Amino acid sequence: MSGSDKGAVAAAAAAPVPPASSGDSKGVRIVVEYCKPCGFESAYLELASAVKEEYPDVEIESRLGGTGAFEIEVNGQLVFSKLENGGFPYEKDLIEAIRKASNGEPLEKITNSRPPCSIL
């Protein structure tokens, strides 16, 4: 290797690595199980749209679930349960979980939830 080749290799090694973009989510798989008779399909579609906007490469699928269900798994790990929390997740919390999964960080359960709509 010539001196100029070694300098180019050293310069490339020293160049800063750009941070992963928010769209870099290959390998992240989300499954949302929801109760269709409960009218939760619209909540799923809204959440799926927000996820795809932020992470176009993420794989997201839905499954029909039991009464009252709105359960979210990221890479097979349950990260949100409406049955436990009583409400729906905030989009920003799921986006953060996807970011962590993309970076190989451990996932934590989302315990924050917005109350379901109710007609009085």
PDB file of N, CA and C in Angstrom:
ATOM      1  N   MET A   1       0.858  -1.171   0.000  1.00  0.00           N
ATOM      2  CA  MET A   1       0.000   0.000   0.000  1.00  0.00           C
ATOM      3  C   MET A   1       0.905   1.235   0.000  1.00  0.00           C
ATOM      4  N   SER A   2       0.644   2.164  -0.887  1.00  0.00           N
ATOM      5  CA  SER A   2       1.460   3.371  -0.962  1.00  0.00           C
ATOM      6  C   SER A   2       1.103   4.314   0.181  1.00  0.00           C
ATOM      7  N   GLY A   3       1.940   5.327   0.389  1.00  0.00           N
ATOM      8  CA  GLY A   3       1.696   6.297   1.447  1.00  0.00           C
ATOM      9  C   GLY A   3       0.387   7.027   1.268  1.00  0.00           C
ATOM     10  N   SER A   4       0.021   7.369   0.014  1.00  0.00           N
ATOM     11  CA  SER A   4      -1.242   8.079  -0.202  1.00  0.00           C
ATOM     12  C   SER A   4      -2.441   7.178   0.063  1.00  0.00           C
ATOM     13  N   ASP A   5      -2.288   5.862  -0.234  1.00  0.00           N
ATOM     14  CA  ASP A   5      -3.376   4.918   0.063  1.00  0.00           C
ATOM     15  C   ASP A   5      -3.587   4.804   1.574  1.00  0.00           C
ATOM     16  N   LYS A   6      -2.470   4.748   2.321  1.00  0.00           N
ATOM     17  CA  LYS A   6      -2.573   4.650   3.782  1.00  0.00           C
ATOM     18  C   LYS A   6      -3.239   5.894   4.353  1.00  0.00           C
ATOM     19  N   GLY A   7      -2.903   7.062   3.796  1.00  0.00           N
ATOM     20  CA  GLY A   7      -3.517   8.307   4.260  1.00  0.00           C
ATOM     21  C   GLY A   7      -5.010   8.323   3.998  1.00  0.00           C
ATOM     22  N   ALA A   8      -5.435   7.803   2.837  1.00  0.00           N
ATOM     23  CA  ALA A   8      -6.865   7.752   2.500  1.00  0.00           C
ATOM     24  C   ALA A   8      -7.603   6.817   3.440  1.00  0.00           C
ATOM     25  N   VAL A   9      -6.975   5.665   3.755  1.00  0.00           N
ATOM     26  CA  VAL A   9      -7.601   4.705   4.672  1.00  0.00           C
ATOM     27  C   VAL A   9      -7.715   5.321   6.063  1.00  0.00           C
ATOM     28  N   ALA A  10      -6.659   6.004   6.526  1.00  0.00           N
ATOM     29  CA  ALA A  10      -6.688   6.636   7.847  1.00  0.00           C
ATOM     30  C   ALA A  10      -7.744   7.731   7.897  1.00  0.00           C
ATOM     31  N   ALA A  11      -7.850   8.511   6.823  1.00  0.00           N
ATOM     32  CA  ALA A  11      -8.857   9.580   6.781  1.00  0.00           C
ATOM     33  C   ALA A  11     -10.262   8.999   6.821  1.00  0.00           C
ATOM     34  N   ALA A  12     -10.485   7.895   6.091  1.00  0.00           N
ATOM     35  CA  ALA A  12     -11.810   7.254   6.081  1.00  0.00           C
ATOM     36  C   ALA A  12     -12.141   6.704   7.461  1.00  0.00           C
ATOM     37  N   ALA A  13     -11.145   6.134   8.130  1.00  0.00           N
ATOM     38  CA  ALA A  13     -11.378   5.565   9.462  1.00  0.00           C
ATOM     39  C   ALA A  13     -11.668   6.663  10.473  1.00  0.00           C
ATOM     40  N   ALA A  14     -11.075   7.834  10.278  1.00  0.00           N
ATOM     41  CA  ALA A  14     -11.259   8.926  11.230  1.00  0.00           C
ATOM     42  C   ALA A  14     -12.526   9.734  10.963  1.00  0.00           C
ATOM     43  N   ALA A  15     -13.127   9.560   9.785  1.00  0.00           N
ATOM     44  CA  ALA A  15     -14.323  10.327   9.438  1.00  0.00           C
ATOM     45  C   ALA A  15     -15.447   9.969  10.396  1.00  0.00           C
ATOM     46  N   PRO A  16     -16.192  10.953  10.866  1.00  0.00           N
ATOM     47  CA  PRO A  16     -17.298  10.652  11.784  1.00  0.00           C
ATOM     48  C   PRO A  16     -18.388   9.855  11.069  1.00  0.00           C
ATOM     49  N   VAL A  17     -18.962   8.942  11.809  1.00  0.00           N
ATOM     50  CA  VAL A  17     -20.050   8.129  11.272  1.00  0.00           C
ATOM     51  C   VAL A  17     -21.350   8.881  11.516  1.00  0.00           C
ATOM     52  N   PRO A  18     -22.133   9.130  10.459  1.00  0.00           N
ATOM     53  CA  PRO A  18     -23.380   9.869  10.678  1.00  0.00           C
ATOM     54  C   PRO A  18     -24.340   9.056  11.539  1.00  0.00           C
ATOM     55  N   PRO A  19     -25.123   9.713  12.375  1.00  0.00           N
ATOM     56  CA  PRO A  19     -26.094   8.987  13.203  1.00  0.00           C
ATOM     57  C   PRO A  19     -27.154   8.348  12.319  1.00  0.00           C
ATOM     58  N   ALA A  20     -27.715   7.269  12.812  1.00  0.00           N
ATOM     59  CA  ALA A  20     -28.777   6.586  12.055  1.00  0.00           C
ATOM     60  C   ALA A  20     -29.950   7.539  11.908  1.00  0.00           C
ATOM     61  N   SER A  21     -30.485   7.582  10.721  1.00  0.00           N
ATOM     62  CA  SER A  21     -31.649   8.449  10.501  1.00  0.00           C
ATOM     63  C   SER A  21     -32.887   7.788  11.079  1.00  0.00           C
ATOM     64  N   SER A  22     -33.923   8.580  11.261  1.00  0.00           N
ATOM     65  CA  SER A  22     -35.146   8.025  11.823  1.00  0.00           C
ATOM     66  C   SER A  22     -35.777   7.010  10.884  1.00  0.00           C
ATOM     67  N   GLY A  23     -35.403   7.043   9.595  1.00  0.00           N
ATOM     68  CA  GLY A  23     -35.962   6.097   8.639  1.00  0.00           C
ATOM     69  C   GLY A  23     -35.224   4.779   8.604  1.00  0.00           C
ATOM     70  N   ASP A  24     -34.145   4.604   9.392  1.00  0.00           N
ATOM     71  CA  ASP A  24     -33.330   3.408   9.381  1.00  0.00           C
ATOM     72  C   ASP A  24     -33.907   2.402  10.377  1.00  0.00           C
ATOM     73  N   SER A  25     -34.910   1.675   9.963  1.00  0.00           N
ATOM     74  CA  SER A  25     -35.600   0.781  10.896  1.00  0.00           C
ATOM     75  C   SER A  25     -35.728  -0.629  10.357  1.00  0.00           C
ATOM     76  N   LYS A  26     -34.867  -1.000   9.418  1.00  0.00           N
ATOM     77  CA  LYS A  26     -34.932  -2.347   8.852  1.00  0.00           C
ATOM     78  C   LYS A  26     -34.754  -3.356   9.970  1.00  0.00           C
ATOM     79  N   GLY A  27     -35.530  -4.410   9.930  1.00  0.00           N
ATOM     80  CA  GLY A  27     -35.437  -5.437  10.948  1.00  0.00           C
ATOM     81  C   GLY A  27     -36.375  -5.218  12.120  1.00  0.00           C
ATOM     82  N   VAL A  28     -37.058  -4.087  12.177  1.00  0.00           N
ATOM     83  CA  VAL A  28     -38.016  -3.843  13.255  1.00  0.00           C
ATOM     84  C   VAL A  28     -39.389  -4.296  12.766  1.00  0.00           C
ATOM     85  N   ARG A  29     -40.024  -5.132  13.562  1.00  0.00           N
ATOM     86  CA  ARG A  29     -41.336  -5.672  13.201  1.00  0.00           C
ATOM     87  C   ARG A  29     -42.319  -5.358  14.319  1.00  0.00           C
ATOM     88  N   ILE A  30     -43.445  -4.767  13.925  1.00  0.00           N
ATOM     89  CA  ILE A  30     -44.477  -4.400  14.898  1.00  0.00           C
ATOM     90  C   ILE A  30     -45.748  -5.175  14.585  1.00  0.00           C
ATOM     91  N   VAL A  31     -46.348  -5.717  15.615  1.00  0.00           N
ATOM     92  CA  VAL A  31     -47.650  -6.376  15.486  1.00  0.00           C
ATOM     93  C   VAL A  31     -48.600  -5.681  16.447  1.00  0.00           C
ATOM     94  N   VAL A  32     -49.731  -5.233  15.908  1.00  0.00           N
ATOM     95  CA  VAL A  32     -50.758  -4.603  16.738  1.00  0.00           C
ATOM     96  C   VAL A  32     -51.985  -5.506  16.700  1.00  0.00           C
ATOM     97  N   GLU A  33     -52.364  -5.985  17.865  1.00  0.00           N
ATOM     98  CA  GLU A  33     -53.561  -6.819  17.998  1.00  0.00           C
ATOM     99  C   GLU A  33     -54.656  -5.938  18.576  1.00  0.00           C
ATOM    100  N   TYR A  34     -55.775  -5.851  17.860  1.00  0.00           N
ATOM    101  CA  TYR A  34     -56.827  -4.954  18.336  1.00  0.00           C
ATOM    102  C   TYR A  34     -58.211  -5.567  18.154  1.00  0.00           C
ATOM    103  N   CYS A  35     -59.149  -5.033  18.937  1.00  0.00           N
ATOM    104  CA  CYS A  35     -60.545  -5.463  18.904  1.00  0.00           C
ATOM    105  C   CYS A  35     -61.275  -4.657  17.833  1.00  0.00           C
ATOM    106  N   LYS A  36     -61.636  -5.318  16.737  1.00  0.00           N
ATOM    107  CA  LYS A  36     -62.343  -4.611  15.657  1.00  0.00           C
ATOM    108  C   LYS A  36     -63.776  -4.252  16.060  1.00  0.00           C
ATOM    109  N   PRO A  37     -64.537  -5.166  16.699  1.00  0.00           N
ATOM    110  CA  PRO A  37     -65.900  -4.801  17.107  1.00  0.00           C
ATOM    111  C   PRO A  37     -65.945  -3.629  18.084  1.00  0.00           C
ATOM    112  N   CYS A  38     -64.838  -3.395  18.798  1.00  0.00           N
ATOM    113  CA  CYS A  38     -64.777  -2.273  19.739  1.00  0.00           C
ATOM    114  C   CYS A  38     -64.552  -0.945  19.022  1.00  0.00           C
ATOM    115  N   GLY A  39     -64.284  -0.998  17.715  1.00  0.00           N
ATOM    116  CA  GLY A  39     -64.039   0.222  16.959  1.00  0.00           C
ATOM    117  C   GLY A  39     -62.600   0.702  17.029  1.00  0.00           C
ATOM    118  N   PHE A  40     -61.651  -0.203  17.340  1.00  0.00           N
ATOM    119  CA  PHE A  40     -60.257   0.186  17.512  1.00  0.00           C
ATOM    120  C   PHE A  40     -59.460   0.179  16.207  1.00  0.00           C
ATOM    121  N   GLU A  41     -60.105  -0.197  15.097  1.00  0.00           N
ATOM    122  CA  GLU A  41     -59.385  -0.218  13.824  1.00  0.00           C
ATOM    123  C   GLU A  41     -58.877   1.174  13.459  1.00  0.00           C
ATOM    124  N   SER A  42     -59.672   2.199  13.702  1.00  0.00           N
ATOM    125  CA  SER A  42     -59.239   3.565  13.363  1.00  0.00           C
ATOM    126  C   SER A  42     -58.014   3.967  14.187  1.00  0.00           C
ATOM    127  N   ALA A  43     -57.954   3.544  15.455  1.00  0.00           N
ATOM    128  CA  ALA A  43     -56.781   3.841  16.286  1.00  0.00           C
ATOM    129  C   ALA A  43     -55.552   3.137  15.714  1.00  0.00           C
ATOM    130  N   TYR A  44     -55.728   1.896  15.245  1.00  0.00           N
ATOM    131  CA  TYR A  44     -54.621   1.166  14.616  1.00  0.00           C
ATOM    132  C   TYR A  44     -54.151   1.877  13.348  1.00  0.00           C
ATOM    133  N   LEU A  45     -55.093   2.259  12.481  1.00  0.00           N
ATOM    134  CA  LEU A  45     -54.734   2.901  11.214  1.00  0.00           C
ATOM    135  C   LEU A  45     -54.008   4.226  11.452  1.00  0.00           C
ATOM    136  N   GLU A  46     -54.452   4.985  12.434  1.00  0.00           N
ATOM    137  CA  GLU A  46     -53.812   6.257  12.777  1.00  0.00           C
ATOM    138  C   GLU A  46     -52.382   6.023  13.272  1.00  0.00           C
ATOM    139  N   LEU A  47     -52.226   5.027  14.138  1.00  0.00           N
ATOM    140  CA  LEU A  47     -50.911   4.705  14.683  1.00  0.00           C
ATOM    141  C   LEU A  47     -49.991   4.176  13.580  1.00  0.00           C
ATOM    142  N   ALA A  48     -50.509   3.290  12.729  1.00  0.00           N
ATOM    143  CA  ALA A  48     -49.713   2.716  11.635  1.00  0.00           C
ATOM    144  C   ALA A  48     -49.247   3.813  10.685  1.00  0.00           C
ATOM    145  N   SER A  49     -50.108   4.773  10.412  1.00  0.00           N
ATOM    146  CA  SER A  49     -49.761   5.885   9.527  1.00  0.00           C
ATOM    147  C   SER A  49     -48.633   6.723  10.128  1.00  0.00           C
ATOM    148  N   ALA A  50     -48.714   7.015  11.414  1.00  0.00           N
ATOM    149  CA  ALA A  50     -47.676   7.801  12.089  1.00  0.00           C
ATOM    150  C   ALA A  50     -46.341   7.055  12.091  1.00  0.00           C
ATOM    151  N   VAL A  51     -46.395   5.745  12.315  1.00  0.00           N
ATOM    152  CA  VAL A  51     -45.174   4.932  12.323  1.00  0.00           C
ATOM    153  C   VAL A  51     -44.545   4.936  10.931  1.00  0.00           C
ATOM    154  N   LYS A  52     -45.340   4.711   9.898  1.00  0.00           N
ATOM    155  CA  LYS A  52     -44.827   4.657   8.524  1.00  0.00           C
ATOM    156  C   LYS A  52     -44.270   6.005   8.080  1.00  0.00           C
ATOM    157  N   GLU A  53     -44.853   7.076   8.580  1.00  0.00           N
ATOM    158  CA  GLU A  53     -44.355   8.413   8.234  1.00  0.00           C
ATOM    159  C   GLU A  53     -42.954   8.622   8.799  1.00  0.00           C
ATOM    160  N   GLU A  54     -42.748   8.169  10.025  1.00  0.00           N
ATOM    161  CA  GLU A  54     -41.452   8.341  10.692  1.00  0.00           C
ATOM    162  C   GLU A  54     -40.454   7.255  10.282  1.00  0.00           C
ATOM    163  N   TYR A  55     -40.939   6.025  10.105  1.00  0.00           N
ATOM    164  CA  TYR A  55     -40.094   4.867   9.789  1.00  0.00           C
ATOM    165  C   TYR A  55     -40.693   4.091   8.613  1.00  0.00           C
ATOM    166  N   PRO A  56     -40.444   4.545   7.380  1.00  0.00           N
ATOM    167  CA  PRO A  56     -41.057   3.899   6.211  1.00  0.00           C
ATOM    168  C   PRO A  56     -40.677   2.429   6.031  1.00  0.00           C
ATOM    169  N   ASP A  57     -39.510   2.012   6.564  1.00  0.00           N
ATOM    170  CA  ASP A  57     -39.055   0.630   6.369  1.00  0.00           C
ATOM    171  C   ASP A  57     -39.575  -0.348   7.415  1.00  0.00           C
ATOM    172  N   VAL A  58     -40.228   0.152   8.438  1.00  0.00           N
ATOM    173  CA  VAL A  58     -40.682  -0.744   9.504  1.00  0.00           C
ATOM    174  C   VAL A  58     -41.781  -1.662   8.978  1.00  0.00           C
ATOM    175  N   GLU A  59     -41.762  -2.882   9.462  1.00  0.00           N
ATOM    176  CA  GLU A  59     -42.808  -3.851   9.098  1.00  0.00           C
ATOM    177  C   GLU A  59     -43.876  -3.789  10.186  1.00  0.00           C
ATOM    178  N   ILE A  60     -45.100  -3.454   9.792  1.00  0.00           N
ATOM    179  CA  ILE A  60     -46.188  -3.348  10.775  1.00  0.00           C
ATOM    180  C   ILE A  60     -47.376  -4.142  10.271  1.00  0.00           C
ATOM    181  N   GLU A  61     -47.942  -4.950  11.140  1.00  0.00           N
ATOM    182  CA  GLU A  61     -49.109  -5.745  10.756  1.00  0.00           C
ATOM    183  C   GLU A  61     -50.138  -5.719  11.875  1.00  0.00           C
ATOM    184  N   SER A  62     -51.360  -6.037  11.499  1.00  0.00           N
ATOM    185  CA  SER A  62     -52.428  -6.058  12.495  1.00  0.00           C
ATOM    186  C   SER A  62     -52.981  -7.466  12.616  1.00  0.00           C
ATOM    187  N   ARG A  63     -53.539  -7.731  13.778  1.00  0.00           N
ATOM    188  CA  ARG A  63     -54.245  -8.992  14.049  1.00  0.00           C
ATOM    189  C   ARG A  63     -55.502  -8.642  14.821  1.00  0.00           C
ATOM    190  N   LEU A  64     -56.538  -9.390  14.544  1.00  0.00           N
ATOM    191  CA  LEU A  64     -57.759  -9.191  15.325  1.00  0.00           C
ATOM    192  C   LEU A  64     -57.575  -9.830  16.684  1.00  0.00           C
ATOM    193  N   GLY A  65     -57.967  -9.096  17.716  1.00  0.00           N
ATOM    194  CA  GLY A  65     -57.789  -9.571  19.081  1.00  0.00           C
ATOM    195  C   GLY A  65     -59.112  -9.659  19.819  1.00  0.00           C
ATOM    196  N   GLY A  66     -59.020  -9.974  21.074  1.00  0.00           N
ATOM    197  CA  GLY A  66     -60.194 -10.137  21.912  1.00  0.00           C
ATOM    198  C   GLY A  66     -60.810  -8.806  22.318  1.00  0.00           C
ATOM    199  N   THR A  67     -61.909  -8.897  23.017  1.00  0.00           N
ATOM    200  CA  THR A  67     -62.650  -7.717  23.450  1.00  0.00           C
ATOM    201  C   THR A  67     -61.776  -6.784  24.269  1.00  0.00           C
ATOM    202  N   GLY A  68     -61.725  -5.521  23.830  1.00  0.00           N
ATOM    203  CA  GLY A  68     -60.983  -4.499  24.545  1.00  0.00           C
ATOM    204  C   GLY A  68     -59.499  -4.460  24.257  1.00  0.00           C
ATOM    205  N   ALA A  69     -59.011  -5.356  23.403  1.00  0.00           N
ATOM    206  CA  ALA A  69     -57.569  -5.457  23.166  1.00  0.00           C
ATOM    207  C   ALA A  69     -57.049  -4.361  22.241  1.00  0.00           C
ATOM    208  N   PHE A  70     -55.871  -3.866  22.582  1.00  0.00           N
ATOM    209  CA  PHE A  70     -55.049  -3.031  21.711  1.00  0.00           C
ATOM    210  C   PHE A  70     -53.636  -3.241  22.231  1.00  0.00           C
ATOM    211  N   GLU A  71     -53.020  -4.326  21.768  1.00  0.00           N
ATOM    212  CA  GLU A  71     -51.737  -4.780  22.274  1.00  0.00           C
ATOM    213  C   GLU A  71     -50.685  -4.579  21.190  1.00  0.00           C
ATOM    214  N   ILE A  72     -49.516  -4.084  21.563  1.00  0.00           N
ATOM    215  CA  ILE A  72     -48.469  -3.794  20.589  1.00  0.00           C
ATOM    216  C   ILE A  72     -47.201  -4.553  20.961  1.00  0.00           C
ATOM    217  N   GLU A  73     -46.686  -5.309  19.986  1.00  0.00           N
ATOM    218  CA  GLU A  73     -45.409  -6.005  20.138  1.00  0.00           C
ATOM    219  C   GLU A  73     -44.398  -5.379  19.193  1.00  0.00           C
ATOM    220  N   VAL A  74     -43.184  -5.191  19.667  1.00  0.00           N
ATOM    221  CA  VAL A  74     -42.068  -4.762  18.833  1.00  0.00           C
ATOM    222  C   VAL A  74     -41.052  -5.894  18.884  1.00  0.00           C
ATOM    223  N   ASN A  75     -40.775  -6.476  17.724  1.00  0.00           N
ATOM    224  CA  ASN A  75     -39.846  -7.614  17.623  1.00  0.00           C
ATOM    225  C   ASN A  75     -40.195  -8.717  18.622  1.00  0.00           C
ATOM    226  N   GLY A  76     -41.494  -8.997  18.740  1.00  0.00           N
ATOM    227  CA  GLY A  76     -41.953 -10.098  19.586  1.00  0.00           C
ATOM    228  C   GLY A  76     -42.101  -9.763  21.061  1.00  0.00           C
ATOM    229  N   GLN A  77     -41.739  -8.570  21.476  1.00  0.00           N
ATOM    230  CA  GLN A  77     -41.842  -8.170  22.882  1.00  0.00           C
ATOM    231  C   GLN A  77     -43.045  -7.255  23.067  1.00  0.00           C
ATOM    232  N   LEU A  78     -43.920  -7.620  24.005  1.00  0.00           N
ATOM    233  CA  LEU A  78     -45.084  -6.782  24.301  1.00  0.00           C
ATOM    234  C   LEU A  78     -44.594  -5.472  24.913  1.00  0.00           C
ATOM    235  N   VAL A  79     -44.881  -4.362  24.228  1.00  0.00           N
ATOM    236  CA  VAL A  79     -44.444  -3.060  24.748  1.00  0.00           C
ATOM    237  C   VAL A  79     -45.612  -2.192  25.199  1.00  0.00           C
ATOM    238  N   PHE A  80     -46.839  -2.558  24.787  1.00  0.00           N
ATOM    239  CA  PHE A  80     -48.000  -1.794  25.216  1.00  0.00           C
ATOM    240  C   PHE A  80     -49.210  -2.711  25.292  1.00  0.00           C
ATOM    241  N   SER A  81     -50.024  -2.528  26.336  1.00  0.00           N
ATOM    242  CA  SER A  81     -51.255  -3.293  26.494  1.00  0.00           C
ATOM    243  C   SER A  81     -52.373  -2.379  26.981  1.00  0.00           C
ATOM    244  N   LYS A  82     -53.386  -2.200  26.135  1.00  0.00           N
ATOM    245  CA  LYS A  82     -54.558  -1.431  26.543  1.00  0.00           C
ATOM    246  C   LYS A  82     -55.289  -2.167  27.664  1.00  0.00           C
ATOM    247  N   LEU A  83     -55.236  -3.476  27.637  1.00  0.00           N
ATOM    248  CA  LEU A  83     -55.899  -4.261  28.684  1.00  0.00           C
ATOM    249  C   LEU A  83     -55.284  -3.951  30.053  1.00  0.00           C
ATOM    250  N   GLU A  84     -53.988  -3.638  30.089  1.00  0.00           N
ATOM    251  CA  GLU A  84     -53.316  -3.290  31.348  1.00  0.00           C
ATOM    252  C   GLU A  84     -53.448  -1.800  31.676  1.00  0.00           C
ATOM    253  N   ASN A  85     -53.337  -0.944  30.633  1.00  0.00           N
ATOM    254  CA  ASN A  85     -53.280   0.501  30.856  1.00  0.00           C
ATOM    255  C   ASN A  85     -54.628   1.209  30.766  1.00  0.00           C
ATOM    256  N   GLY A  86     -55.582   0.607  30.077  1.00  0.00           N
ATOM    257  CA  GLY A  86     -56.907   1.205  29.975  1.00  0.00           C
ATOM    258  C   GLY A  86     -57.057   2.276  28.916  1.00  0.00           C
ATOM    259  N   GLY A  87     -56.006   2.596  28.197  1.00  0.00           N
ATOM    260  CA  GLY A  87     -56.083   3.624  27.163  1.00  0.00           C
ATOM    261  C   GLY A  87     -55.272   3.228  25.947  1.00  0.00           C
ATOM    262  N   PHE A  88     -55.030   4.194  25.079  1.00  0.00           N
ATOM    263  CA  PHE A  88     -54.255   3.965  23.863  1.00  0.00           C
ATOM    264  C   PHE A  88     -52.881   4.601  24.032  1.00  0.00           C
ATOM    265  N   PRO A  89     -51.869   4.076  23.310  1.00  0.00           N
ATOM    266  CA  PRO A  89     -50.525   4.647  23.451  1.00  0.00           C
ATOM    267  C   PRO A  89     -50.401   6.000  22.760  1.00  0.00           C
ATOM    268  N   TYR A  90     -49.494   6.802  23.257  1.00  0.00           N
ATOM    269  CA  TYR A  90     -49.122   8.029  22.557  1.00  0.00           C
ATOM    270  C   TYR A  90     -48.173   7.628  21.435  1.00  0.00           C
ATOM    271  N   GLU A  91     -48.370   8.226  20.260  1.00  0.00           N
ATOM    272  CA  GLU A  91     -47.534   7.891  19.102  1.00  0.00           C
ATOM    273  C   GLU A  91     -46.059   8.103  19.411  1.00  0.00           C
ATOM    274  N   LYS A  92     -45.734   9.185  20.117  1.00  0.00           N
ATOM    275  CA  LYS A  92     -44.331   9.500  20.410  1.00  0.00           C
ATOM    276  C   LYS A  92     -43.668   8.391  21.231  1.00  0.00           C
ATOM    277  N   ASP A  93     -44.425   7.721  22.095  1.00  0.00           N
ATOM    278  CA  ASP A  93     -43.861   6.642  22.903  1.00  0.00           C
ATOM    279  C   ASP A  93     -43.538   5.422  22.038  1.00  0.00           C
ATOM    280  N   LEU A  94     -44.412   5.109  21.079  1.00  0.00           N
ATOM    281  CA  LEU A  94     -44.145   3.983  20.187  1.00  0.00           C
ATOM    282  C   LEU A  94     -42.983   4.315  19.253  1.00  0.00           C
ATOM    283  N   ILE A  95     -42.929   5.547  18.759  1.00  0.00           N
ATOM    284  CA  ILE A  95     -41.823   5.981  17.901  1.00  0.00           C
ATOM    285  C   ILE A  95     -40.494   5.822  18.651  1.00  0.00           C
ATOM    286  N   GLU A  96     -40.481   6.181  19.932  1.00  0.00           N
ATOM    287  CA  GLU A  96     -39.278   6.032  20.755  1.00  0.00           C
ATOM    288  C   GLU A  96     -38.906   4.555  20.916  1.00  0.00           C
ATOM    289  N   ALA A  97     -39.894   3.678  21.096  1.00  0.00           N
ATOM    290  CA  ALA A  97     -39.624   2.244  21.209  1.00  0.00           C
ATOM    291  C   ALA A  97     -39.026   1.704  19.906  1.00  0.00           C
ATOM    292  N   ILE A  98     -39.508   2.189  18.770  1.00  0.00           N
ATOM    293  CA  ILE A  98     -38.969   1.763  17.475  1.00  0.00           C
ATOM    294  C   ILE A  98     -37.528   2.248  17.333  1.00  0.00           C
ATOM    295  N   ARG A  99     -37.269   3.483  17.755  1.00  0.00           N
ATOM    296  CA  ARG A  99     -35.896   4.007  17.704  1.00  0.00           C
ATOM    297  C   ARG A  99     -34.955   3.126  18.517  1.00  0.00           C
ATOM    298  N   LYS A 100     -35.397   2.771  19.713  1.00  0.00           N
ATOM    299  CA  LYS A 100     -34.573   1.909  20.569  1.00  0.00           C
ATOM    300  C   LYS A 100     -34.351   0.546  19.916  1.00  0.00           C
ATOM    301  N   ALA A 101     -35.405  -0.046  19.370  1.00  0.00           N
ATOM    302  CA  ALA A 101     -35.286  -1.354  18.715  1.00  0.00           C
ATOM    303  C   ALA A 101     -34.337  -1.271  17.521  1.00  0.00           C
ATOM    304  N   SER A 102     -34.401  -0.188  16.759  1.00  0.00           N
ATOM    305  CA  SER A 102     -33.522   0.010  15.602  1.00  0.00           C
ATOM    306  C   SER A 102     -32.060   0.072  16.012  1.00  0.00           C
ATOM    307  N   ASN A 103     -31.813   0.631  17.189  1.00  0.00           N
ATOM    308  CA  ASN A 103     -30.443   0.785  17.682  1.00  0.00           C
ATOM    309  C   ASN A 103     -29.981  -0.397  18.538  1.00  0.00           C
ATOM    310  N   GLY A 104     -30.839  -1.415  18.668  1.00  0.00           N
ATOM    311  CA  GLY A 104     -30.473  -2.583  19.463  1.00  0.00           C
ATOM    312  C   GLY A 104     -30.532  -2.353  20.961  1.00  0.00           C
ATOM    313  N   GLU A 105     -31.188  -1.278  21.379  1.00  0.00           N
ATOM    314  CA  GLU A 105     -31.312  -0.978  22.808  1.00  0.00           C
ATOM    315  C   GLU A 105     -32.447  -1.806  23.407  1.00  0.00           C
ATOM    316  N   PRO A 106     -32.388  -2.078  24.707  1.00  0.00           N
ATOM    317  CA  PRO A 106     -33.485  -2.817  25.345  1.00  0.00           C
ATOM    318  C   PRO A 106     -34.783  -2.006  25.338  1.00  0.00           C
ATOM    319  N   LEU A 107     -35.886  -2.703  25.171  1.00  0.00           N
ATOM    320  CA  LEU A 107     -37.198  -2.048  25.142  1.00  0.00           C
ATOM    321  C   LEU A 107     -37.824  -2.074  26.526  1.00  0.00           C
ATOM    322  N   GLU A 108     -38.514  -1.007  26.840  1.00  0.00           N
ATOM    323  CA  GLU A 108     -39.249  -0.928  28.093  1.00  0.00           C
ATOM    324  C   GLU A 108     -40.732  -0.893  27.764  1.00  0.00           C
ATOM    325  N   LYS A 109     -41.532  -1.361  28.684  1.00  0.00           N
ATOM    326  CA  LYS A 109     -42.968  -1.333  28.485  1.00  0.00           C
ATOM    327  C   LYS A 109     -43.476   0.102  28.548  1.00  0.00           C
ATOM    328  N   ILE A 110     -44.358   0.441  27.623  1.00  0.00           N
ATOM    329  CA  ILE A 110     -44.983   1.759  27.600  1.00  0.00           C
ATOM    330  C   ILE A 110     -46.130   1.732  28.612  1.00  0.00           C
ATOM    331  N   THR A 111     -46.054   2.597  29.612  1.00  0.00           N
ATOM    332  CA  THR A 111     -47.107   2.620  30.633  1.00  0.00           C
ATOM    333  C   THR A 111     -47.957   3.873  30.537  1.00  0.00           C
ATOM    334  N   ASN A 112     -47.491   4.836  29.767  1.00  0.00           N
ATOM    335  CA  ASN A 112     -48.245   6.063  29.524  1.00  0.00           C
ATOM    336  C   ASN A 112     -49.368   5.760  28.546  1.00  0.00           C
ATOM    337  N   SER A 113     -50.547   6.255  28.782  1.00  0.00           N
ATOM    338  CA  SER A 113     -51.617   6.053  27.808  1.00  0.00           C
ATOM    339  C   SER A 113     -52.604   7.203  27.863  1.00  0.00           C
ATOM    340  N   ARG A 114     -53.181   7.452  26.698  1.00  0.00           N
ATOM    341  CA  ARG A 114     -54.237   8.469  26.634  1.00  0.00           C
ATOM    342  C   ARG A 114     -55.560   7.745  26.810  1.00  0.00           C
ATOM    343  N   PRO A 115     -56.496   8.348  27.491  1.00  0.00           N
ATOM    344  CA  PRO A 115     -57.763   7.673  27.759  1.00  0.00           C
ATOM    345  C   PRO A 115     -58.543   7.434  26.464  1.00  0.00           C
ATOM    346  N   PRO A 116     -59.273   6.328  26.424  1.00  0.00           N
ATOM    347  CA  PRO A 116     -60.115   6.097  25.255  1.00  0.00           C
ATOM    348  C   PRO A 116     -61.244   7.128  25.216  1.00  0.00           C
ATOM    349  N   CYS A 117     -61.700   7.431  24.048  1.00  0.00           N
ATOM    350  CA  CYS A 117     -62.825   8.373  23.926  1.00  0.00           C
ATOM    351  C   CYS A 117     -64.072   7.740  24.532  1.00  0.00           C
ATOM    352  N   SER A 118     -64.866   8.560  25.167  1.00  0.00           N
ATOM    353  CA  SER A 118     -66.130   8.046  25.688  1.00  0.00           C
ATOM    354  C   SER A 118     -67.198   9.115  25.469  1.00  0.00           C
ATOM    355  N   ILE A 119     -68.362   8.637  25.173  1.00  0.00           N
ATOM    356  CA  ILE A 119     -69.506   9.540  24.953  1.00  0.00           C
ATOM    357  C   ILE A 119     -70.317   9.561  26.237  1.00  0.00           C
ATOM    358  N   LEU A 120     -70.513  10.746  26.776  1.00  0.00           N
ATOM    359  CA  LEU A 120     -71.243  10.856  28.053  1.00  0.00           C
ATOM    360  C   LEU A 120     -72.696  11.109  27.818  1.00  0.00           C
TER     361      LEU A 120
END
